[in-house]
């Protein structure tokens, strides 16, 4: 299966996915990495291992949909079957999501539907949550609301700092996200309404 990974920043989840593909834990190939920031470290990670990567500058486009159409041109060229968002900070347009319905994955640093949005770790701390975690889900038109594939809880300790909680959450993300991608690539995820049903391995 051909995968494209969309990134905006450091690319630590990207690196976890690269490692899982390289070690044959995921039966797929990363055909393309797209970044919306020219200084994204993810581009350097891709270059280091010889994966095709590109920066698409959002400033070139008048709308979100036009940016997405440009990205789709390259996805089609590389025959991409699965789109993986790894720290990608842009919200995809309805046009993109319809084109790749149930073929876009995202990882979120909270137990959805709690603490949606880009401040999930801070929101968990500010609200005194005793438990937060990680969610891998399909992307839908409503932000952080698609069918949930995998979740894992992370305890929030007394006097937990943002840095320490973030570190614990990232550790779970780097394990859980490749697992979800593996299940998808093996054809074991079936979406039924709001639920994701696991099929046994053939």
N, C-alpha and C. Protein backbone atom coordinates (compact mmCIF):
# COMPACT_ATOMS: atom_id res chain seq x y z
N UNK A 1 0.84 -1.19 0.00
CA UNK A 1 0.00 0.00 0.00
C UNK A 1 0.88 1.24 0.00
N UNK A 2 0.46 2.24 -0.76
CA UNK A 2 1.21 3.49 -0.84
C UNK A 2 0.66 4.52 0.14
N UNK A 3 1.55 5.09 0.94
CA UNK A 3 1.16 6.05 1.98
C UNK A 3 1.77 7.41 1.68
N UNK A 4 1.02 8.46 2.01
CA UNK A 4 1.57 9.82 2.05
C UNK A 4 1.40 10.34 3.46
N UNK A 5 2.40 11.03 3.95
CA UNK A 5 2.36 11.61 5.30
C UNK A 5 2.40 13.12 5.18
N UNK A 6 1.45 13.78 5.84
CA UNK A 6 1.39 15.25 5.87
C UNK A 6 1.92 15.73 7.21
N UNK A 7 2.84 16.68 7.19
CA UNK A 7 3.49 17.16 8.42
C UNK A 7 3.59 18.68 8.43
N UNK A 8 3.76 19.22 9.64
CA UNK A 8 4.01 20.65 9.78
C UNK A 8 5.25 20.96 10.61
N UNK A 9 5.65 20.02 11.47
CA UNK A 9 6.68 20.36 12.45
C UNK A 9 7.86 19.40 12.54
N UNK A 10 8.13 18.95 13.77
CA UNK A 10 9.34 18.17 14.05
C UNK A 10 9.34 16.80 13.41
N UNK A 11 8.16 16.21 13.24
CA UNK A 11 8.08 14.92 12.55
C UNK A 11 8.43 13.72 13.41
N UNK A 12 8.17 13.78 14.72
CA UNK A 12 8.50 12.63 15.56
C UNK A 12 7.57 11.45 15.27
N UNK A 13 6.29 11.73 15.01
CA UNK A 13 5.39 10.64 14.62
C UNK A 13 5.76 10.10 13.24
N UNK A 14 6.18 11.00 12.36
CA UNK A 14 6.66 10.56 11.05
C UNK A 14 7.82 9.59 11.22
N UNK A 15 8.75 9.91 12.11
CA UNK A 15 9.90 9.04 12.33
C UNK A 15 9.47 7.67 12.84
N UNK A 16 8.48 7.65 13.73
CA UNK A 16 7.97 6.37 14.25
C UNK A 16 7.37 5.54 13.12
N UNK A 17 6.69 6.21 12.18
CA UNK A 17 6.09 5.51 11.04
C UNK A 17 7.18 5.00 10.10
N UNK A 18 8.17 5.85 9.83
CA UNK A 18 9.31 5.44 8.99
C UNK A 18 9.98 4.20 9.58
N UNK A 19 10.21 4.22 10.90
CA UNK A 19 10.85 3.08 11.57
C UNK A 19 10.03 1.81 11.44
N UNK A 20 8.69 1.95 11.59
CA UNK A 20 7.80 0.79 11.51
C UNK A 20 7.77 0.21 10.10
N UNK A 21 7.81 1.07 9.09
CA UNK A 21 7.84 0.60 7.69
C UNK A 21 9.18 -0.09 7.40
N UNK A 22 10.25 0.54 7.87
CA UNK A 22 11.60 -0.01 7.63
C UNK A 22 11.78 -1.38 8.27
N UNK A 23 11.18 -1.57 9.46
CA UNK A 23 11.31 -2.84 10.17
C UNK A 23 10.25 -3.87 9.76
N UNK A 24 9.46 -3.53 8.72
CA UNK A 24 8.44 -4.41 8.14
C UNK A 24 7.25 -4.64 9.07
N UNK A 25 7.11 -3.82 10.10
CA UNK A 25 5.92 -3.92 10.95
C UNK A 25 4.68 -3.43 10.20
N UNK A 26 4.90 -2.50 9.27
CA UNK A 26 3.83 -2.00 8.40
C UNK A 26 4.15 -2.44 6.98
N UNK A 27 3.21 -3.14 6.36
CA UNK A 27 3.42 -3.63 5.00
C UNK A 27 2.96 -2.56 4.01
N UNK A 28 3.79 -1.56 3.85
CA UNK A 28 3.45 -0.42 2.98
C UNK A 28 4.72 0.35 2.65
N UNK A 29 4.58 1.28 1.73
CA UNK A 29 5.69 2.16 1.39
C UNK A 29 5.28 3.61 1.53
N UNK A 30 6.15 4.42 2.14
CA UNK A 30 5.88 5.85 2.22
C UNK A 30 6.35 6.47 0.91
N UNK A 31 5.39 6.85 0.07
CA UNK A 31 5.71 7.34 -1.27
C UNK A 31 5.98 8.85 -1.29
N UNK A 32 5.40 9.56 -0.32
CA UNK A 32 5.48 11.02 -0.37
C UNK A 32 5.26 11.63 1.00
N UNK A 33 6.01 12.67 1.29
CA UNK A 33 5.80 13.48 2.49
C UNK A 33 5.54 14.91 2.04
N UNK A 34 4.45 15.46 2.53
CA UNK A 34 4.09 16.83 2.19
C UNK A 34 4.10 17.67 3.46
N UNK A 35 4.78 18.82 3.40
CA UNK A 35 4.82 19.75 4.53
C UNK A 35 4.25 21.09 4.10
N UNK A 36 3.58 21.76 5.03
CA UNK A 36 3.03 23.09 4.73
C UNK A 36 3.91 24.20 5.31
N UNK A 37 5.08 23.80 5.83
CA UNK A 37 6.06 24.77 6.34
C UNK A 37 7.43 24.41 5.78
N UNK A 38 8.08 25.38 5.19
CA UNK A 38 9.36 25.12 4.54
C UNK A 38 10.47 24.70 5.49
N UNK A 39 10.36 25.08 6.78
CA UNK A 39 11.40 24.74 7.75
C UNK A 39 11.04 23.52 8.60
N UNK A 40 10.01 22.77 8.18
CA UNK A 40 9.59 21.59 8.95
C UNK A 40 10.72 20.56 9.00
N UNK A 41 11.03 20.10 10.19
CA UNK A 41 12.10 19.10 10.37
C UNK A 41 11.74 17.79 9.67
N UNK A 42 10.44 17.57 9.46
CA UNK A 42 9.99 16.36 8.78
C UNK A 42 10.59 16.24 7.38
N UNK A 43 10.82 17.37 6.71
CA UNK A 43 11.42 17.36 5.38
C UNK A 43 12.85 16.81 5.44
N UNK A 44 13.56 17.18 6.48
CA UNK A 44 14.94 16.69 6.65
C UNK A 44 14.95 15.20 7.00
N UNK A 45 13.96 14.78 7.80
CA UNK A 45 13.85 13.36 8.14
C UNK A 45 13.63 12.53 6.87
N UNK A 46 12.78 13.05 5.99
CA UNK A 46 12.49 12.35 4.74
C UNK A 46 13.73 12.28 3.85
N UNK A 47 14.42 13.40 3.75
CA UNK A 47 15.63 13.47 2.93
C UNK A 47 16.68 12.48 3.41
N UNK A 48 16.78 12.35 4.71
CA UNK A 48 17.79 11.48 5.32
C UNK A 48 17.61 10.01 4.93
N UNK A 49 16.34 9.60 4.73
CA UNK A 49 16.08 8.20 4.39
C UNK A 49 15.66 8.02 2.93
N UNK A 50 15.77 9.08 2.14
CA UNK A 50 15.51 8.97 0.71
C UNK A 50 14.05 8.88 0.31
N UNK A 51 13.16 9.46 1.11
CA UNK A 51 11.74 9.48 0.76
C UNK A 51 11.43 10.81 0.06
N UNK A 52 10.67 10.73 -1.01
CA UNK A 52 10.29 11.94 -1.75
C UNK A 52 9.49 12.86 -0.82
N UNK A 53 9.91 14.13 -0.75
CA UNK A 53 9.25 15.08 0.14
C UNK A 53 9.15 16.43 -0.53
N UNK A 54 8.11 17.17 -0.17
CA UNK A 54 7.92 18.48 -0.79
C UNK A 54 7.22 19.45 0.16
N UNK A 55 7.54 20.71 -0.04
CA UNK A 55 6.91 21.81 0.69
C UNK A 55 5.90 22.47 -0.25
N UNK A 56 4.65 22.53 0.18
CA UNK A 56 3.63 23.26 -0.56
C UNK A 56 3.27 24.49 0.27
N UNK A 57 3.55 25.65 -0.25
CA UNK A 57 3.37 26.90 0.48
C UNK A 57 1.90 27.34 0.44
N UNK A 58 1.23 27.35 1.60
CA UNK A 58 -0.19 27.74 1.64
C UNK A 58 -0.43 29.17 1.14
N UNK A 59 0.59 30.01 1.21
CA UNK A 59 0.44 31.41 0.80
C UNK A 59 0.21 31.55 -0.71
N UNK A 60 0.50 30.51 -1.45
CA UNK A 60 0.31 30.54 -2.90
C UNK A 60 -1.16 30.38 -3.30
N UNK A 61 -1.99 29.98 -2.35
CA UNK A 61 -3.36 29.62 -2.70
C UNK A 61 -4.37 30.51 -2.00
N UNK A 62 -5.43 30.83 -2.71
CA UNK A 62 -6.46 31.73 -2.18
C UNK A 62 -7.42 31.03 -1.23
N UNK A 63 -7.45 29.72 -1.27
CA UNK A 63 -8.37 28.99 -0.40
C UNK A 63 -7.76 27.67 0.04
N UNK A 64 -8.34 27.11 1.09
CA UNK A 64 -7.92 25.82 1.62
C UNK A 64 -8.10 24.73 0.55
N UNK A 65 -9.21 24.82 -0.18
CA UNK A 65 -9.51 23.81 -1.19
C UNK A 65 -8.48 23.81 -2.33
N UNK A 66 -8.03 24.99 -2.73
CA UNK A 66 -7.03 25.08 -3.79
C UNK A 66 -5.70 24.47 -3.35
N UNK A 67 -5.34 24.69 -2.08
CA UNK A 67 -4.13 24.04 -1.52
C UNK A 67 -4.30 22.53 -1.60
N UNK A 68 -5.46 22.05 -1.17
CA UNK A 68 -5.72 20.61 -1.13
C UNK A 68 -5.71 20.00 -2.53
N UNK A 69 -6.26 20.72 -3.51
CA UNK A 69 -6.26 20.22 -4.89
C UNK A 69 -4.84 20.07 -5.43
N UNK A 70 -3.98 21.01 -5.04
CA UNK A 70 -2.57 20.91 -5.43
C UNK A 70 -1.93 19.66 -4.82
N UNK A 71 -2.21 19.43 -3.54
CA UNK A 71 -1.67 18.24 -2.87
C UNK A 71 -2.19 16.96 -3.52
N UNK A 72 -3.47 16.94 -3.87
CA UNK A 72 -4.07 15.75 -4.46
C UNK A 72 -3.42 15.40 -5.80
N UNK A 73 -2.98 16.40 -6.54
CA UNK A 73 -2.29 16.14 -7.81
C UNK A 73 -1.09 15.22 -7.59
N UNK A 74 -0.34 15.52 -6.53
CA UNK A 74 0.86 14.73 -6.23
C UNK A 74 0.49 13.36 -5.64
N UNK A 75 -0.59 13.31 -4.87
CA UNK A 75 -1.05 12.04 -4.32
C UNK A 75 -1.44 11.08 -5.45
N UNK A 76 -2.14 11.61 -6.43
CA UNK A 76 -2.56 10.78 -7.57
C UNK A 76 -1.36 10.29 -8.37
N UNK A 77 -0.39 11.18 -8.54
CA UNK A 77 0.82 10.83 -9.29
C UNK A 77 1.55 9.67 -8.63
N UNK A 78 1.55 9.66 -7.29
CA UNK A 78 2.25 8.61 -6.54
C UNK A 78 1.34 7.43 -6.20
N UNK A 79 0.10 7.48 -6.69
CA UNK A 79 -0.89 6.41 -6.45
C UNK A 79 -1.06 6.12 -4.95
N UNK A 80 -1.23 7.19 -4.20
CA UNK A 80 -1.37 7.08 -2.74
C UNK A 80 -2.75 6.55 -2.38
N UNK A 81 -2.77 5.58 -1.47
CA UNK A 81 -4.02 4.95 -1.04
C UNK A 81 -4.41 5.35 0.38
N UNK A 82 -3.45 5.79 1.16
CA UNK A 82 -3.71 6.19 2.54
C UNK A 82 -2.97 7.48 2.85
N UNK A 83 -3.69 8.44 3.45
CA UNK A 83 -3.10 9.70 3.86
C UNK A 83 -3.01 9.71 5.39
N UNK A 84 -1.82 9.98 5.90
CA UNK A 84 -1.57 9.98 7.34
C UNK A 84 -1.18 11.39 7.77
N UNK A 85 -1.93 11.96 8.69
CA UNK A 85 -1.61 13.29 9.22
C UNK A 85 -0.75 13.12 10.47
N UNK A 86 0.44 13.68 10.43
CA UNK A 86 1.39 13.53 11.55
C UNK A 86 1.85 14.92 11.98
N UNK A 87 1.09 15.52 12.87
CA UNK A 87 1.41 16.88 13.30
C UNK A 87 1.14 17.90 12.21
N UNK A 88 0.16 17.61 11.36
CA UNK A 88 -0.22 18.53 10.29
C UNK A 88 -1.24 19.51 10.84
N UNK A 89 -0.90 20.80 10.86
CA UNK A 89 -1.70 21.79 11.59
C UNK A 89 -2.77 22.48 10.75
N UNK A 90 -2.90 22.09 9.49
CA UNK A 90 -3.96 22.63 8.65
C UNK A 90 -5.19 21.73 8.71
N UNK A 91 -6.36 22.34 8.67
CA UNK A 91 -7.61 21.58 8.61
C UNK A 91 -7.91 21.31 7.13
N UNK A 92 -8.11 20.06 6.81
CA UNK A 92 -8.38 19.68 5.42
C UNK A 92 -9.77 20.15 4.99
N UNK A 93 -9.89 20.47 3.72
CA UNK A 93 -11.18 20.92 3.18
C UNK A 93 -12.14 19.74 3.01
N UNK A 94 -13.45 20.01 2.99
CA UNK A 94 -14.42 18.95 2.71
C UNK A 94 -14.14 18.24 1.38
N UNK A 95 -13.64 19.00 0.41
CA UNK A 95 -13.29 18.42 -0.90
C UNK A 95 -12.27 17.30 -0.73
N UNK A 96 -11.21 17.57 0.02
CA UNK A 96 -10.15 16.57 0.23
C UNK A 96 -10.70 15.36 0.98
N UNK A 97 -11.46 15.62 2.02
CA UNK A 97 -11.97 14.54 2.87
C UNK A 97 -12.92 13.62 2.09
N UNK A 98 -13.72 14.19 1.21
CA UNK A 98 -14.62 13.37 0.37
C UNK A 98 -13.82 12.53 -0.62
N UNK A 99 -12.75 13.10 -1.17
CA UNK A 99 -11.91 12.38 -2.12
C UNK A 99 -11.24 11.16 -1.48
N UNK A 100 -10.89 11.28 -0.21
CA UNK A 100 -10.18 10.21 0.49
C UNK A 100 -10.98 9.73 1.71
N UNK A 101 -12.27 9.58 1.54
CA UNK A 101 -13.16 9.18 2.63
C UNK A 101 -12.71 7.86 3.26
N UNK A 102 -12.56 7.89 4.58
CA UNK A 102 -12.11 6.73 5.36
C UNK A 102 -10.73 6.23 4.91
N UNK A 103 -9.94 7.15 4.35
CA UNK A 103 -8.57 6.83 3.97
C UNK A 103 -7.60 7.91 4.47
N UNK A 104 -8.04 8.65 5.50
CA UNK A 104 -7.20 9.66 6.14
C UNK A 104 -7.17 9.37 7.63
N UNK A 105 -5.98 9.21 8.18
CA UNK A 105 -5.83 8.96 9.62
C UNK A 105 -5.20 10.16 10.31
N UNK A 106 -5.57 10.33 11.56
CA UNK A 106 -4.97 11.39 12.39
C UNK A 106 -4.74 10.86 13.79
N UNK A 107 -3.74 11.40 14.47
CA UNK A 107 -3.50 11.08 15.87
C UNK A 107 -3.72 12.35 16.69
N UNK A 108 -4.42 12.19 17.83
CA UNK A 108 -4.77 13.35 18.66
C UNK A 108 -4.31 13.10 20.10
N UNK A 109 -3.69 14.10 20.74
CA UNK A 109 -3.14 13.91 22.09
C UNK A 109 -4.16 14.07 23.21
N UNK A 110 -5.27 13.34 23.13
CA UNK A 110 -6.29 13.31 24.18
C UNK A 110 -7.22 12.15 23.88
N UNK A 111 -8.08 11.84 24.85
CA UNK A 111 -9.08 10.79 24.64
C UNK A 111 -10.34 11.43 24.09
N UNK A 112 -10.42 11.50 22.77
CA UNK A 112 -11.62 12.08 22.14
C UNK A 112 -12.86 11.30 22.56
N UNK A 113 -14.01 11.98 22.73
CA UNK A 113 -14.29 13.35 22.31
C UNK A 113 -13.87 14.46 23.29
N UNK A 114 -13.11 14.13 24.33
CA UNK A 114 -12.64 15.17 25.26
C UNK A 114 -11.46 15.92 24.65
N UNK A 115 -11.37 17.21 24.98
CA UNK A 115 -10.22 18.05 24.64
C UNK A 115 -9.86 18.03 23.16
N UNK A 116 -10.82 18.43 22.35
CA UNK A 116 -10.57 18.57 20.92
C UNK A 116 -9.71 19.81 20.67
N UNK A 117 -9.16 19.91 19.47
CA UNK A 117 -8.41 21.11 19.09
C UNK A 117 -6.92 21.00 19.33
N UNK A 118 -6.22 22.10 19.04
CA UNK A 118 -4.76 22.12 19.02
C UNK A 118 -4.12 22.31 20.39
N UNK A 119 -4.94 22.54 21.44
CA UNK A 119 -4.39 22.78 22.79
C UNK A 119 -4.76 21.65 23.74
N UNK A 120 -4.87 20.44 23.22
CA UNK A 120 -5.42 19.33 24.00
C UNK A 120 -4.65 19.02 25.28
N UNK A 121 -3.33 19.04 25.21
CA UNK A 121 -2.53 18.72 26.40
C UNK A 121 -2.70 19.81 27.46
N UNK A 122 -2.62 21.04 27.04
CA UNK A 122 -2.79 22.17 27.97
C UNK A 122 -4.20 22.17 28.56
N UNK A 123 -5.19 21.88 27.73
CA UNK A 123 -6.57 21.87 28.20
C UNK A 123 -6.79 20.78 29.25
N UNK A 124 -6.17 19.63 29.06
CA UNK A 124 -6.29 18.55 30.05
C UNK A 124 -5.69 18.98 31.39
N UNK A 125 -4.53 19.62 31.34
CA UNK A 125 -3.90 20.11 32.56
C UNK A 125 -4.72 21.22 33.22
N UNK A 126 -5.16 22.19 32.43
CA UNK A 126 -5.91 23.33 32.96
C UNK A 126 -7.24 22.91 33.59
N UNK A 127 -7.81 21.81 33.07
CA UNK A 127 -9.10 21.34 33.58
C UNK A 127 -8.97 20.31 34.69
N UNK A 128 -7.74 20.06 35.12
CA UNK A 128 -7.53 19.15 36.24
C UNK A 128 -7.84 17.70 35.93
N UNK A 129 -7.73 17.31 34.66
CA UNK A 129 -8.00 15.92 34.29
C UNK A 129 -7.02 14.98 34.99
N UNK A 130 -7.53 13.86 35.47
CA UNK A 130 -6.68 12.84 36.10
C UNK A 130 -6.19 11.83 35.08
N UNK A 131 -6.92 11.77 33.96
CA UNK A 131 -6.56 10.85 32.87
C UNK A 131 -6.76 11.58 31.55
N UNK A 132 -5.79 11.47 30.67
CA UNK A 132 -5.95 11.91 29.29
C UNK A 132 -5.43 10.78 28.43
N UNK A 133 -4.88 11.06 27.25
CA UNK A 133 -4.38 9.94 26.47
C UNK A 133 -4.17 10.26 25.01
N UNK A 134 -4.32 9.23 24.19
CA UNK A 134 -4.07 9.33 22.75
C UNK A 134 -5.21 8.66 22.00
N UNK A 135 -5.63 9.30 20.91
CA UNK A 135 -6.66 8.74 20.03
C UNK A 135 -6.15 8.73 18.60
N UNK A 136 -6.30 7.61 17.93
CA UNK A 136 -6.09 7.55 16.48
C UNK A 136 -7.46 7.39 15.84
N UNK A 137 -7.76 8.24 14.87
CA UNK A 137 -9.11 8.23 14.30
C UNK A 137 -9.09 8.53 12.80
N UNK A 138 -10.16 8.15 12.14
CA UNK A 138 -10.35 8.57 10.76
C UNK A 138 -10.74 10.05 10.76
N UNK A 139 -10.35 10.76 9.72
CA UNK A 139 -10.65 12.18 9.63
C UNK A 139 -12.00 12.38 8.94
N UNK A 140 -12.84 13.19 9.57
CA UNK A 140 -14.13 13.55 9.00
C UNK A 140 -14.16 15.07 8.82
N UNK A 141 -15.26 15.58 8.27
CA UNK A 141 -15.34 17.01 8.01
C UNK A 141 -15.39 17.84 9.30
N UNK A 142 -15.89 17.26 10.37
CA UNK A 142 -15.90 17.95 11.66
C UNK A 142 -14.59 17.64 12.37
N UNK A 143 -13.90 18.66 12.83
CA UNK A 143 -12.55 18.50 13.40
C UNK A 143 -12.55 17.57 14.62
N UNK A 144 -11.60 16.63 14.62
CA UNK A 144 -11.39 15.70 15.75
C UNK A 144 -12.66 14.94 16.11
N UNK A 145 -13.43 14.55 15.10
CA UNK A 145 -14.72 13.89 15.36
C UNK A 145 -14.94 12.63 14.54
N UNK A 146 -13.95 12.19 13.79
CA UNK A 146 -14.13 11.00 12.97
C UNK A 146 -14.13 9.72 13.79
N UNK A 147 -14.54 8.59 13.18
CA UNK A 147 -14.59 7.30 13.87
C UNK A 147 -13.25 6.94 14.52
N UNK A 148 -13.33 6.51 15.77
CA UNK A 148 -12.13 6.21 16.56
C UNK A 148 -11.62 4.81 16.27
N UNK A 149 -10.32 4.72 15.98
CA UNK A 149 -9.68 3.43 15.67
C UNK A 149 -9.05 2.83 16.93
N UNK A 150 -8.18 3.59 17.59
CA UNK A 150 -7.49 3.12 18.79
C UNK A 150 -7.42 4.25 19.81
N UNK A 151 -7.45 3.88 21.08
CA UNK A 151 -7.23 4.84 22.17
C UNK A 151 -6.41 4.19 23.26
N UNK A 152 -5.64 5.02 23.96
CA UNK A 152 -4.91 4.53 25.13
C UNK A 152 -4.83 5.66 26.15
N UNK A 153 -5.11 5.33 27.40
CA UNK A 153 -5.13 6.32 28.47
C UNK A 153 -3.72 6.62 28.98
N UNK A 154 -3.53 7.85 29.43
CA UNK A 154 -2.30 8.29 30.08
C UNK A 154 -2.69 9.00 31.37
N UNK A 155 -2.14 8.57 32.49
CA UNK A 155 -2.45 9.20 33.78
C UNK A 155 -1.79 10.57 33.89
N UNK A 156 -2.53 11.49 34.49
CA UNK A 156 -1.98 12.82 34.77
C UNK A 156 -1.64 12.87 36.26
N UNK A 157 -0.38 12.99 36.58
CA UNK A 157 0.06 12.96 37.98
C UNK A 157 -0.17 14.30 38.66
N UNK A 158 -0.16 14.30 39.98
CA UNK A 158 -0.22 15.55 40.74
C UNK A 158 0.99 16.42 40.36
N UNK A 159 0.73 17.69 40.16
CA UNK A 159 1.78 18.65 39.79
C UNK A 159 2.50 18.27 38.49
N UNK A 160 1.80 17.57 37.60
CA UNK A 160 2.37 17.20 36.30
C UNK A 160 2.68 18.47 35.50
N UNK A 161 3.84 18.52 34.90
CA UNK A 161 4.17 19.66 34.04
C UNK A 161 3.72 19.37 32.61
N UNK A 162 3.60 20.43 31.85
CA UNK A 162 3.23 20.27 30.44
C UNK A 162 4.26 19.41 29.73
N UNK A 163 5.54 19.69 29.97
CA UNK A 163 6.62 18.97 29.28
C UNK A 163 6.59 17.47 29.60
N UNK A 164 6.36 17.13 30.86
CA UNK A 164 6.37 15.71 31.24
C UNK A 164 5.16 14.98 30.67
N UNK A 165 4.00 15.65 30.68
CA UNK A 165 2.80 15.02 30.13
C UNK A 165 2.93 14.86 28.61
N UNK A 166 3.45 15.87 27.97
CA UNK A 166 3.65 15.81 26.52
C UNK A 166 4.57 14.64 26.15
N UNK A 167 5.62 14.47 26.93
CA UNK A 167 6.58 13.39 26.68
C UNK A 167 5.90 12.02 26.80
N UNK A 168 5.06 11.85 27.81
CA UNK A 168 4.36 10.58 28.00
C UNK A 168 3.38 10.32 26.86
N UNK A 169 2.69 11.36 26.45
CA UNK A 169 1.72 11.23 25.36
C UNK A 169 2.42 10.90 24.05
N UNK A 170 3.53 11.57 23.78
CA UNK A 170 4.27 11.28 22.54
C UNK A 170 4.75 9.83 22.51
N UNK A 171 5.17 9.32 23.64
CA UNK A 171 5.64 7.93 23.71
C UNK A 171 4.53 6.97 23.30
N UNK A 172 3.32 7.24 23.76
CA UNK A 172 2.17 6.40 23.38
C UNK A 172 1.83 6.58 21.90
N UNK A 173 1.85 7.83 21.44
CA UNK A 173 1.57 8.11 20.02
C UNK A 173 2.49 7.32 19.11
N UNK A 174 3.76 7.29 19.45
CA UNK A 174 4.76 6.66 18.58
C UNK A 174 4.58 5.15 18.50
N UNK A 175 3.85 4.58 19.45
CA UNK A 175 3.53 3.14 19.42
C UNK A 175 2.16 2.88 18.80
N UNK A 176 1.18 3.71 19.18
CA UNK A 176 -0.21 3.48 18.77
C UNK A 176 -0.46 3.82 17.30
N UNK A 177 0.16 4.89 16.82
CA UNK A 177 -0.11 5.34 15.45
C UNK A 177 0.36 4.31 14.42
N UNK A 178 1.61 3.82 14.53
CA UNK A 178 2.02 2.77 13.58
C UNK A 178 1.14 1.53 13.64
N UNK A 179 0.63 1.19 14.82
CA UNK A 179 -0.26 0.03 14.94
C UNK A 179 -1.54 0.25 14.16
N UNK A 180 -2.13 1.44 14.27
CA UNK A 180 -3.36 1.75 13.53
C UNK A 180 -3.12 1.70 12.03
N UNK A 181 -1.97 2.22 11.60
CA UNK A 181 -1.62 2.20 10.17
C UNK A 181 -1.45 0.75 9.70
N UNK A 182 -0.81 -0.06 10.52
CA UNK A 182 -0.64 -1.48 10.21
C UNK A 182 -2.00 -2.15 10.01
N UNK A 183 -2.94 -1.91 10.92
CA UNK A 183 -4.27 -2.51 10.83
C UNK A 183 -4.98 -2.08 9.55
N UNK A 184 -4.84 -0.80 9.21
CA UNK A 184 -5.46 -0.29 7.98
C UNK A 184 -4.86 -0.99 6.76
N UNK A 185 -3.53 -1.05 6.71
CA UNK A 185 -2.85 -1.63 5.55
C UNK A 185 -3.15 -3.12 5.38
N UNK A 186 -3.49 -3.79 6.48
CA UNK A 186 -3.86 -5.20 6.42
C UNK A 186 -5.35 -5.39 6.09
N UNK A 187 -6.06 -4.28 5.87
CA UNK A 187 -7.48 -4.36 5.53
C UNK A 187 -8.36 -4.81 6.68
N UNK A 188 -7.94 -4.53 7.90
CA UNK A 188 -8.64 -5.04 9.08
C UNK A 188 -9.54 -4.01 9.75
N UNK A 189 -9.66 -2.81 9.17
CA UNK A 189 -10.51 -1.78 9.76
C UNK A 189 -11.72 -1.53 8.87
N UNK A 190 -12.91 -1.73 9.43
CA UNK A 190 -14.16 -1.47 8.70
C UNK A 190 -14.96 -0.43 9.46
N UNK A 191 -15.36 0.63 8.76
CA UNK A 191 -16.13 1.70 9.38
C UNK A 191 -17.62 1.40 9.23
N UNK A 192 -18.30 1.41 10.38
CA UNK A 192 -19.75 1.19 10.40
C UNK A 192 -20.38 2.32 11.19
N UNK A 193 -20.85 3.34 10.48
CA UNK A 193 -21.39 4.53 11.16
C UNK A 193 -20.30 5.24 11.93
N UNK A 194 -20.48 5.36 13.24
CA UNK A 194 -19.50 6.03 14.09
C UNK A 194 -18.44 5.06 14.62
N UNK A 195 -18.63 3.77 14.35
CA UNK A 195 -17.75 2.76 14.95
C UNK A 195 -16.78 2.17 13.93
N UNK A 196 -15.61 1.76 14.45
CA UNK A 196 -14.64 1.04 13.64
C UNK A 196 -14.60 -0.40 14.14
N UNK A 197 -14.86 -1.32 13.22
CA UNK A 197 -14.89 -2.74 13.55
C UNK A 197 -13.60 -3.40 13.06
N UNK A 198 -13.02 -4.23 13.92
CA UNK A 198 -11.78 -4.92 13.59
C UNK A 198 -12.09 -6.27 12.96
N UNK A 199 -11.48 -6.53 11.81
CA UNK A 199 -11.60 -7.83 11.16
C UNK A 199 -10.41 -8.69 11.57
N UNK A 200 -10.66 -9.99 11.73
CA UNK A 200 -9.56 -10.88 12.04
C UNK A 200 -8.60 -10.99 10.86
N UNK A 201 -7.33 -11.19 11.18
CA UNK A 201 -6.32 -11.33 10.13
C UNK A 201 -6.55 -12.64 9.41
N UNK A 202 -6.54 -12.56 8.07
CA UNK A 202 -6.78 -13.75 7.24
C UNK A 202 -5.57 -14.69 7.30
